């Protein structure tokens, strides 16, 4: 059973993380790249959202956050030379929008029932394209 206090803390922390995530992405769009520091920070934010969403049993938020975390893990470790930055930014902003909608449902005490499967499939496809292009080199 989730206590009201735990839910309030989750809402506050997740809101702060989403705001920071959105800011990082929008600032990176100005330079058309994610630098190492930004990649690490996005990874950390997604790891935090994943963990707290999982703890609160918001599985759809946790699953999507995990997929984004995996993506930034790969970017951090593989450092792909070619990357469709615009596509990546748009995709992450779509994920941010999904998380915001789900958080809004929590705030309004509604069912957290969004389906992240299409976004997760897109992330998986993007991960696979990065993996296959890095193996060609």
N, C-alpha and C. Protein backbone atom coordinates (compact mmCIF):
# COMPACT_ATOMS: atom_id res chain seq x y z
N UNK A 1 0.84 -1.19 0.00
CA UNK A 1 0.00 0.00 0.00
C UNK A 1 0.88 1.24 0.00
N UNK A 2 0.60 2.13 -0.93
CA UNK A 2 1.38 3.37 -1.03
C UNK A 2 0.81 4.39 -0.06
N UNK A 3 1.68 4.95 0.75
CA UNK A 3 1.21 6.00 1.66
C UNK A 3 1.12 7.32 0.89
N UNK A 4 0.29 8.19 1.39
CA UNK A 4 0.13 9.51 0.77
C UNK A 4 1.46 10.25 0.76
N UNK A 5 2.22 10.12 1.85
CA UNK A 5 3.52 10.78 1.95
C UNK A 5 4.50 10.25 0.91
N UNK A 6 4.54 8.92 0.73
CA UNK A 6 5.43 8.34 -0.28
C UNK A 6 5.04 8.81 -1.67
N UNK A 7 3.76 8.88 -1.94
CA UNK A 7 3.28 9.33 -3.25
C UNK A 7 3.66 10.79 -3.48
N UNK A 8 3.52 11.61 -2.45
CA UNK A 8 3.89 13.02 -2.58
C UNK A 8 5.38 13.18 -2.86
N UNK A 9 6.20 12.40 -2.18
CA UNK A 9 7.65 12.44 -2.41
C UNK A 9 7.96 11.98 -3.84
N UNK A 10 7.31 10.90 -4.27
CA UNK A 10 7.51 10.40 -5.63
C UNK A 10 7.14 11.49 -6.65
N UNK A 11 6.00 12.12 -6.46
CA UNK A 11 5.54 13.17 -7.39
C UNK A 11 6.56 14.30 -7.43
N UNK A 12 7.00 14.76 -6.28
CA UNK A 12 7.95 15.87 -6.22
C UNK A 12 9.27 15.51 -6.91
N UNK A 13 9.85 14.37 -6.52
CA UNK A 13 11.15 13.99 -7.07
C UNK A 13 11.07 13.69 -8.56
N UNK A 14 10.03 13.02 -8.98
CA UNK A 14 9.90 12.68 -10.39
C UNK A 14 9.65 13.94 -11.22
N UNK A 15 8.87 14.86 -10.69
CA UNK A 15 8.65 16.14 -11.39
C UNK A 15 9.96 16.88 -11.58
N UNK A 16 10.78 16.91 -10.53
CA UNK A 16 12.08 17.58 -10.61
C UNK A 16 12.98 16.90 -11.64
N UNK A 17 13.00 15.57 -11.62
CA UNK A 17 13.83 14.83 -12.57
C UNK A 17 13.36 15.03 -14.00
N UNK A 18 12.06 15.02 -14.22
CA UNK A 18 11.53 15.22 -15.57
C UNK A 18 11.87 16.63 -16.06
N UNK A 19 11.74 17.60 -15.19
CA UNK A 19 12.07 18.98 -15.56
C UNK A 19 13.54 19.10 -15.94
N UNK A 20 14.41 18.48 -15.16
CA UNK A 20 15.84 18.50 -15.45
C UNK A 20 16.14 17.77 -16.76
N UNK A 21 15.49 16.64 -16.97
CA UNK A 21 15.67 15.86 -18.19
C UNK A 21 15.28 16.68 -19.42
N UNK A 22 14.13 17.31 -19.34
CA UNK A 22 13.65 18.13 -20.45
C UNK A 22 14.62 19.27 -20.74
N UNK A 23 15.12 19.88 -19.70
CA UNK A 23 16.08 20.98 -19.85
C UNK A 23 17.37 20.50 -20.52
N UNK A 24 17.86 19.34 -20.11
CA UNK A 24 19.08 18.79 -20.71
C UNK A 24 18.89 18.53 -22.20
N UNK A 25 17.75 17.98 -22.56
CA UNK A 25 17.49 17.67 -23.96
C UNK A 25 17.37 18.94 -24.78
N UNK A 26 16.62 19.90 -24.28
CA UNK A 26 16.43 21.15 -25.02
C UNK A 26 17.74 21.92 -25.15
N UNK A 27 18.57 21.92 -24.12
CA UNK A 27 19.88 22.57 -24.21
C UNK A 27 20.79 21.85 -25.20
N UNK A 28 20.70 20.54 -25.24
CA UNK A 28 21.52 19.76 -26.17
C UNK A 28 21.10 19.98 -27.61
N UNK A 29 19.82 20.27 -27.81
CA UNK A 29 19.34 20.52 -29.18
C UNK A 29 20.02 21.75 -29.78
N UNK A 30 20.40 22.68 -28.92
CA UNK A 30 21.07 23.90 -29.41
C UNK A 30 22.43 23.58 -30.03
N UNK A 31 23.08 22.54 -29.53
CA UNK A 31 24.40 22.16 -30.04
C UNK A 31 24.35 20.92 -30.93
N UNK A 32 23.17 20.36 -31.07
CA UNK A 32 22.96 19.14 -31.89
C UNK A 32 23.85 17.97 -31.47
N UNK A 33 24.06 17.85 -30.17
CA UNK A 33 24.78 16.67 -29.67
C UNK A 33 24.54 16.52 -28.17
N UNK A 34 24.75 15.30 -27.72
CA UNK A 34 24.76 15.02 -26.29
C UNK A 34 26.21 14.82 -25.89
N UNK A 35 26.74 15.71 -25.05
CA UNK A 35 28.11 15.51 -24.59
C UNK A 35 28.13 14.44 -23.50
N UNK A 36 29.31 14.02 -23.11
CA UNK A 36 29.47 12.93 -22.15
C UNK A 36 28.78 13.26 -20.83
N UNK A 37 28.93 14.47 -20.37
CA UNK A 37 28.31 14.87 -19.10
C UNK A 37 26.79 14.78 -19.18
N UNK A 38 26.22 15.21 -20.30
CA UNK A 38 24.77 15.16 -20.48
C UNK A 38 24.28 13.72 -20.56
N UNK A 39 25.00 12.89 -21.29
CA UNK A 39 24.64 11.47 -21.39
C UNK A 39 24.64 10.84 -19.99
N UNK A 40 25.66 11.11 -19.21
CA UNK A 40 25.74 10.56 -17.85
C UNK A 40 24.59 11.06 -16.98
N UNK A 41 24.26 12.34 -17.12
CA UNK A 41 23.18 12.92 -16.32
C UNK A 41 21.82 12.35 -16.72
N UNK A 42 21.58 12.20 -18.01
CA UNK A 42 20.32 11.61 -18.46
C UNK A 42 20.23 10.16 -17.98
N UNK A 43 21.33 9.43 -18.07
CA UNK A 43 21.35 8.05 -17.57
C UNK A 43 20.99 8.03 -16.08
N UNK A 44 21.58 8.91 -15.31
CA UNK A 44 21.31 8.96 -13.86
C UNK A 44 19.85 9.28 -13.58
N UNK A 45 19.31 10.26 -14.30
CA UNK A 45 17.91 10.65 -14.11
C UNK A 45 16.98 9.47 -14.43
N UNK A 46 17.24 8.80 -15.55
CA UNK A 46 16.38 7.69 -15.94
C UNK A 46 16.51 6.53 -14.95
N UNK A 47 17.70 6.32 -14.43
CA UNK A 47 17.91 5.27 -13.43
C UNK A 47 17.09 5.59 -12.17
N UNK A 48 17.09 6.84 -11.77
CA UNK A 48 16.33 7.26 -10.58
C UNK A 48 14.83 7.12 -10.80
N UNK A 49 14.35 7.59 -11.95
CA UNK A 49 12.92 7.47 -12.25
C UNK A 49 12.52 5.99 -12.33
N UNK A 50 13.37 5.18 -12.96
CA UNK A 50 13.09 3.74 -13.06
C UNK A 50 12.94 3.13 -11.67
N UNK A 51 13.89 3.40 -10.81
CA UNK A 51 13.88 2.81 -9.47
C UNK A 51 12.70 3.26 -8.63
N UNK A 52 12.43 4.55 -8.63
CA UNK A 52 11.32 5.03 -7.80
C UNK A 52 9.97 4.61 -8.38
N UNK A 53 9.84 4.57 -9.70
CA UNK A 53 8.59 4.11 -10.32
C UNK A 53 8.36 2.64 -10.01
N UNK A 54 9.41 1.87 -10.06
CA UNK A 54 9.31 0.45 -9.75
C UNK A 54 8.91 0.24 -8.30
N UNK A 55 9.52 1.00 -7.41
CA UNK A 55 9.20 0.90 -5.99
C UNK A 55 7.73 1.25 -5.73
N UNK A 56 7.21 2.20 -6.49
CA UNK A 56 5.82 2.64 -6.32
C UNK A 56 4.84 1.79 -7.13
N UNK A 57 5.37 0.80 -7.85
CA UNK A 57 4.58 -0.13 -8.67
C UNK A 57 3.92 0.54 -9.87
N UNK A 58 4.56 1.58 -10.39
CA UNK A 58 4.13 2.20 -11.64
C UNK A 58 4.96 1.56 -12.75
N UNK A 59 4.57 0.34 -13.08
CA UNK A 59 5.37 -0.49 -13.98
C UNK A 59 5.56 0.10 -15.37
N UNK A 60 4.54 0.78 -15.89
CA UNK A 60 4.68 1.35 -17.23
C UNK A 60 5.74 2.45 -17.25
N UNK A 61 5.78 3.26 -16.20
CA UNK A 61 6.81 4.30 -16.10
C UNK A 61 8.19 3.68 -15.89
N UNK A 62 8.25 2.65 -15.07
CA UNK A 62 9.52 1.98 -14.79
C UNK A 62 10.06 1.31 -16.06
N UNK A 63 9.18 0.66 -16.82
CA UNK A 63 9.62 -0.03 -18.04
C UNK A 63 10.16 0.95 -19.07
N UNK A 64 9.45 2.05 -19.28
CA UNK A 64 9.91 3.04 -20.25
C UNK A 64 11.22 3.67 -19.79
N UNK A 65 11.30 4.01 -18.53
CA UNK A 65 12.53 4.60 -17.99
C UNK A 65 13.70 3.64 -18.14
N UNK A 66 13.44 2.36 -17.95
CA UNK A 66 14.50 1.36 -18.10
C UNK A 66 14.99 1.31 -19.56
N UNK A 67 14.05 1.39 -20.50
CA UNK A 67 14.43 1.37 -21.92
C UNK A 67 15.28 2.59 -22.27
N UNK A 68 14.91 3.77 -21.77
CA UNK A 68 15.69 4.98 -22.04
C UNK A 68 17.05 4.87 -21.36
N UNK A 69 17.06 4.34 -20.15
CA UNK A 69 18.32 4.13 -19.43
C UNK A 69 19.25 3.22 -20.25
N UNK A 70 18.70 2.13 -20.80
CA UNK A 70 19.50 1.22 -21.63
C UNK A 70 20.08 1.94 -22.84
N UNK A 71 19.28 2.80 -23.44
CA UNK A 71 19.73 3.56 -24.61
C UNK A 71 20.92 4.45 -24.24
N UNK A 72 20.81 5.17 -23.14
CA UNK A 72 21.90 6.07 -22.76
C UNK A 72 23.11 5.30 -22.20
N UNK A 73 22.89 4.11 -21.68
CA UNK A 73 24.00 3.24 -21.31
C UNK A 73 24.81 2.90 -22.55
N UNK A 74 24.11 2.54 -23.62
CA UNK A 74 24.79 2.20 -24.87
C UNK A 74 25.52 3.42 -25.44
N UNK A 75 24.86 4.57 -25.42
CA UNK A 75 25.51 5.79 -25.93
C UNK A 75 26.76 6.11 -25.12
N UNK A 76 26.68 5.91 -23.82
CA UNK A 76 27.82 6.20 -22.96
C UNK A 76 28.97 5.23 -23.22
N UNK A 77 28.65 3.96 -23.39
CA UNK A 77 29.70 2.95 -23.53
C UNK A 77 30.22 2.81 -24.95
N UNK A 78 29.35 2.88 -25.93
CA UNK A 78 29.75 2.66 -27.33
C UNK A 78 30.24 3.93 -28.03
N UNK A 79 29.74 5.08 -27.57
CA UNK A 79 30.09 6.36 -28.20
C UNK A 79 30.00 6.29 -29.72
N UNK A 80 28.80 5.99 -30.24
CA UNK A 80 28.66 5.86 -31.71
C UNK A 80 29.06 7.14 -32.43
N UNK A 81 29.76 6.96 -33.54
CA UNK A 81 30.25 8.12 -34.32
C UNK A 81 29.11 8.80 -35.07
N UNK A 82 28.20 8.02 -35.60
CA UNK A 82 27.07 8.60 -36.31
C UNK A 82 25.80 8.30 -35.51
N UNK A 83 24.98 9.33 -35.38
CA UNK A 83 23.77 9.21 -34.59
C UNK A 83 22.76 10.21 -35.12
N UNK A 84 21.55 9.76 -35.33
CA UNK A 84 20.49 10.67 -35.76
C UNK A 84 20.03 11.44 -34.52
N UNK A 85 20.72 12.54 -34.27
CA UNK A 85 20.49 13.31 -33.06
C UNK A 85 19.06 13.84 -32.99
N UNK A 86 18.53 14.33 -34.09
CA UNK A 86 17.18 14.89 -34.10
C UNK A 86 16.16 13.81 -33.74
N UNK A 87 16.31 12.63 -34.33
CA UNK A 87 15.42 11.52 -34.02
C UNK A 87 15.51 11.16 -32.55
N UNK A 88 16.73 11.06 -32.03
CA UNK A 88 16.95 10.71 -30.63
C UNK A 88 16.31 11.75 -29.71
N UNK A 89 16.52 13.01 -29.98
CA UNK A 89 15.94 14.07 -29.14
C UNK A 89 14.43 14.01 -29.16
N UNK A 90 13.86 13.86 -30.35
CA UNK A 90 12.40 13.77 -30.46
C UNK A 90 11.86 12.56 -29.71
N UNK A 91 12.55 11.45 -29.83
CA UNK A 91 12.13 10.22 -29.15
C UNK A 91 12.15 10.41 -27.63
N UNK A 92 13.21 10.99 -27.12
CA UNK A 92 13.31 11.19 -25.67
C UNK A 92 12.27 12.19 -25.20
N UNK A 93 12.01 13.21 -25.99
CA UNK A 93 10.95 14.16 -25.61
C UNK A 93 9.58 13.49 -25.61
N UNK A 94 9.35 12.54 -26.52
CA UNK A 94 8.10 11.77 -26.49
C UNK A 94 8.01 10.95 -25.20
N UNK A 95 9.13 10.41 -24.77
CA UNK A 95 9.16 9.66 -23.52
C UNK A 95 8.88 10.58 -22.34
N UNK A 96 9.45 11.76 -22.38
CA UNK A 96 9.19 12.76 -21.33
C UNK A 96 7.69 13.07 -21.28
N UNK A 97 7.09 13.27 -22.45
CA UNK A 97 5.65 13.55 -22.49
C UNK A 97 4.83 12.41 -21.88
N UNK A 98 5.22 11.18 -22.19
CA UNK A 98 4.54 10.02 -21.62
C UNK A 98 4.65 10.04 -20.10
N UNK A 99 5.86 10.26 -19.59
CA UNK A 99 6.07 10.30 -18.14
C UNK A 99 5.27 11.42 -17.49
N UNK A 100 5.21 12.57 -18.14
CA UNK A 100 4.43 13.69 -17.61
C UNK A 100 2.95 13.35 -17.52
N UNK A 101 2.43 12.70 -18.57
CA UNK A 101 1.02 12.31 -18.57
C UNK A 101 0.72 11.33 -17.44
N UNK A 102 1.60 10.37 -17.26
CA UNK A 102 1.39 9.39 -16.19
C UNK A 102 1.51 10.05 -14.82
N UNK A 103 2.45 10.96 -14.67
CA UNK A 103 2.61 11.68 -13.41
C UNK A 103 1.37 12.52 -13.12
N UNK A 104 0.82 13.12 -14.15
CA UNK A 104 -0.40 13.91 -13.99
C UNK A 104 -1.56 13.03 -13.50
N UNK A 105 -1.62 11.80 -14.00
CA UNK A 105 -2.65 10.86 -13.52
C UNK A 105 -2.46 10.57 -12.04
N UNK A 106 -1.21 10.41 -11.62
CA UNK A 106 -0.92 10.14 -10.20
C UNK A 106 -1.36 11.32 -9.36
N UNK A 107 -1.02 12.52 -9.82
CA UNK A 107 -1.39 13.75 -9.10
C UNK A 107 -2.90 13.84 -8.94
N UNK A 108 -3.61 13.47 -9.99
CA UNK A 108 -5.08 13.56 -9.99
C UNK A 108 -5.76 12.27 -9.51
N UNK A 109 -4.96 11.39 -8.93
CA UNK A 109 -5.45 10.13 -8.35
C UNK A 109 -6.26 9.31 -9.34
N UNK A 110 -5.74 9.25 -10.57
CA UNK A 110 -6.37 8.43 -11.61
C UNK A 110 -5.51 7.20 -11.87
N UNK A 111 -6.06 6.29 -12.63
CA UNK A 111 -5.35 5.05 -12.98
C UNK A 111 -4.14 5.36 -13.86
N UNK A 112 -2.98 4.86 -13.46
CA UNK A 112 -1.75 5.03 -14.23
C UNK A 112 -1.71 3.88 -15.23
N UNK A 113 -2.23 4.14 -16.43
CA UNK A 113 -2.50 3.04 -17.35
C UNK A 113 -1.99 3.27 -18.76
N UNK A 114 -1.10 4.24 -18.95
CA UNK A 114 -0.55 4.49 -20.28
C UNK A 114 0.25 3.28 -20.77
N UNK A 115 0.23 3.08 -22.06
CA UNK A 115 0.94 1.95 -22.66
C UNK A 115 2.21 2.44 -23.38
N UNK A 116 3.38 2.16 -22.80
CA UNK A 116 4.62 2.64 -23.40
C UNK A 116 5.19 1.71 -24.47
N UNK A 117 4.46 0.68 -24.87
CA UNK A 117 5.03 -0.36 -25.74
C UNK A 117 5.50 0.18 -27.09
N UNK A 118 4.79 1.13 -27.68
CA UNK A 118 5.22 1.67 -28.97
C UNK A 118 6.53 2.44 -28.80
N UNK A 119 6.61 3.26 -27.76
CA UNK A 119 7.86 4.00 -27.49
C UNK A 119 9.00 3.03 -27.20
N UNK A 120 8.72 2.00 -26.43
CA UNK A 120 9.77 1.03 -26.10
C UNK A 120 10.23 0.27 -27.34
N UNK A 121 9.31 -0.05 -28.23
CA UNK A 121 9.69 -0.72 -29.49
C UNK A 121 10.55 0.20 -30.35
N UNK A 122 10.22 1.49 -30.37
CA UNK A 122 11.01 2.45 -31.13
C UNK A 122 12.41 2.57 -30.54
N UNK A 123 12.50 2.59 -29.22
CA UNK A 123 13.81 2.64 -28.56
C UNK A 123 14.62 1.39 -28.90
N UNK A 124 13.99 0.23 -28.83
CA UNK A 124 14.67 -1.03 -29.15
C UNK A 124 15.18 -1.02 -30.58
N UNK A 125 14.35 -0.55 -31.50
CA UNK A 125 14.75 -0.47 -32.90
C UNK A 125 15.93 0.48 -33.07
N UNK A 126 15.89 1.61 -32.40
CA UNK A 126 16.97 2.59 -32.46
C UNK A 126 18.25 1.99 -31.87
N UNK A 127 18.12 1.29 -30.74
CA UNK A 127 19.27 0.61 -30.13
C UNK A 127 19.88 -0.40 -31.11
N UNK A 128 19.02 -1.16 -31.76
CA UNK A 128 19.51 -2.16 -32.72
C UNK A 128 20.22 -1.50 -33.89
N UNK A 129 19.72 -0.36 -34.35
CA UNK A 129 20.39 0.32 -35.47
C UNK A 129 21.76 0.86 -35.03
N UNK A 130 21.87 1.33 -33.81
CA UNK A 130 23.16 1.79 -33.29
C UNK A 130 24.12 0.60 -33.18
N UNK A 131 23.61 -0.49 -32.63
CA UNK A 131 24.44 -1.69 -32.48
C UNK A 131 24.94 -2.21 -33.81
N UNK A 132 24.05 -2.27 -34.80
CA UNK A 132 24.46 -2.82 -36.10
C UNK A 132 25.42 -1.89 -36.83
N UNK A 133 25.24 -0.57 -36.69
CA UNK A 133 26.17 0.34 -37.36
C UNK A 133 27.53 0.37 -36.66
N UNK A 134 27.54 0.16 -35.34
CA UNK A 134 28.84 0.16 -34.65
C UNK A 134 29.60 -1.15 -34.91
N UNK A 135 28.89 -2.23 -35.22
CA UNK A 135 29.55 -3.49 -35.52
C UNK A 135 30.13 -3.53 -36.92
N UNK A 136 29.63 -2.66 -37.81
CA UNK A 136 30.14 -2.60 -39.18
C UNK A 136 31.51 -1.97 -39.25
N UNK A 137 31.88 -1.28 -38.19
CA UNK A 137 33.15 -0.55 -38.21
C UNK A 137 34.28 -1.38 -37.67
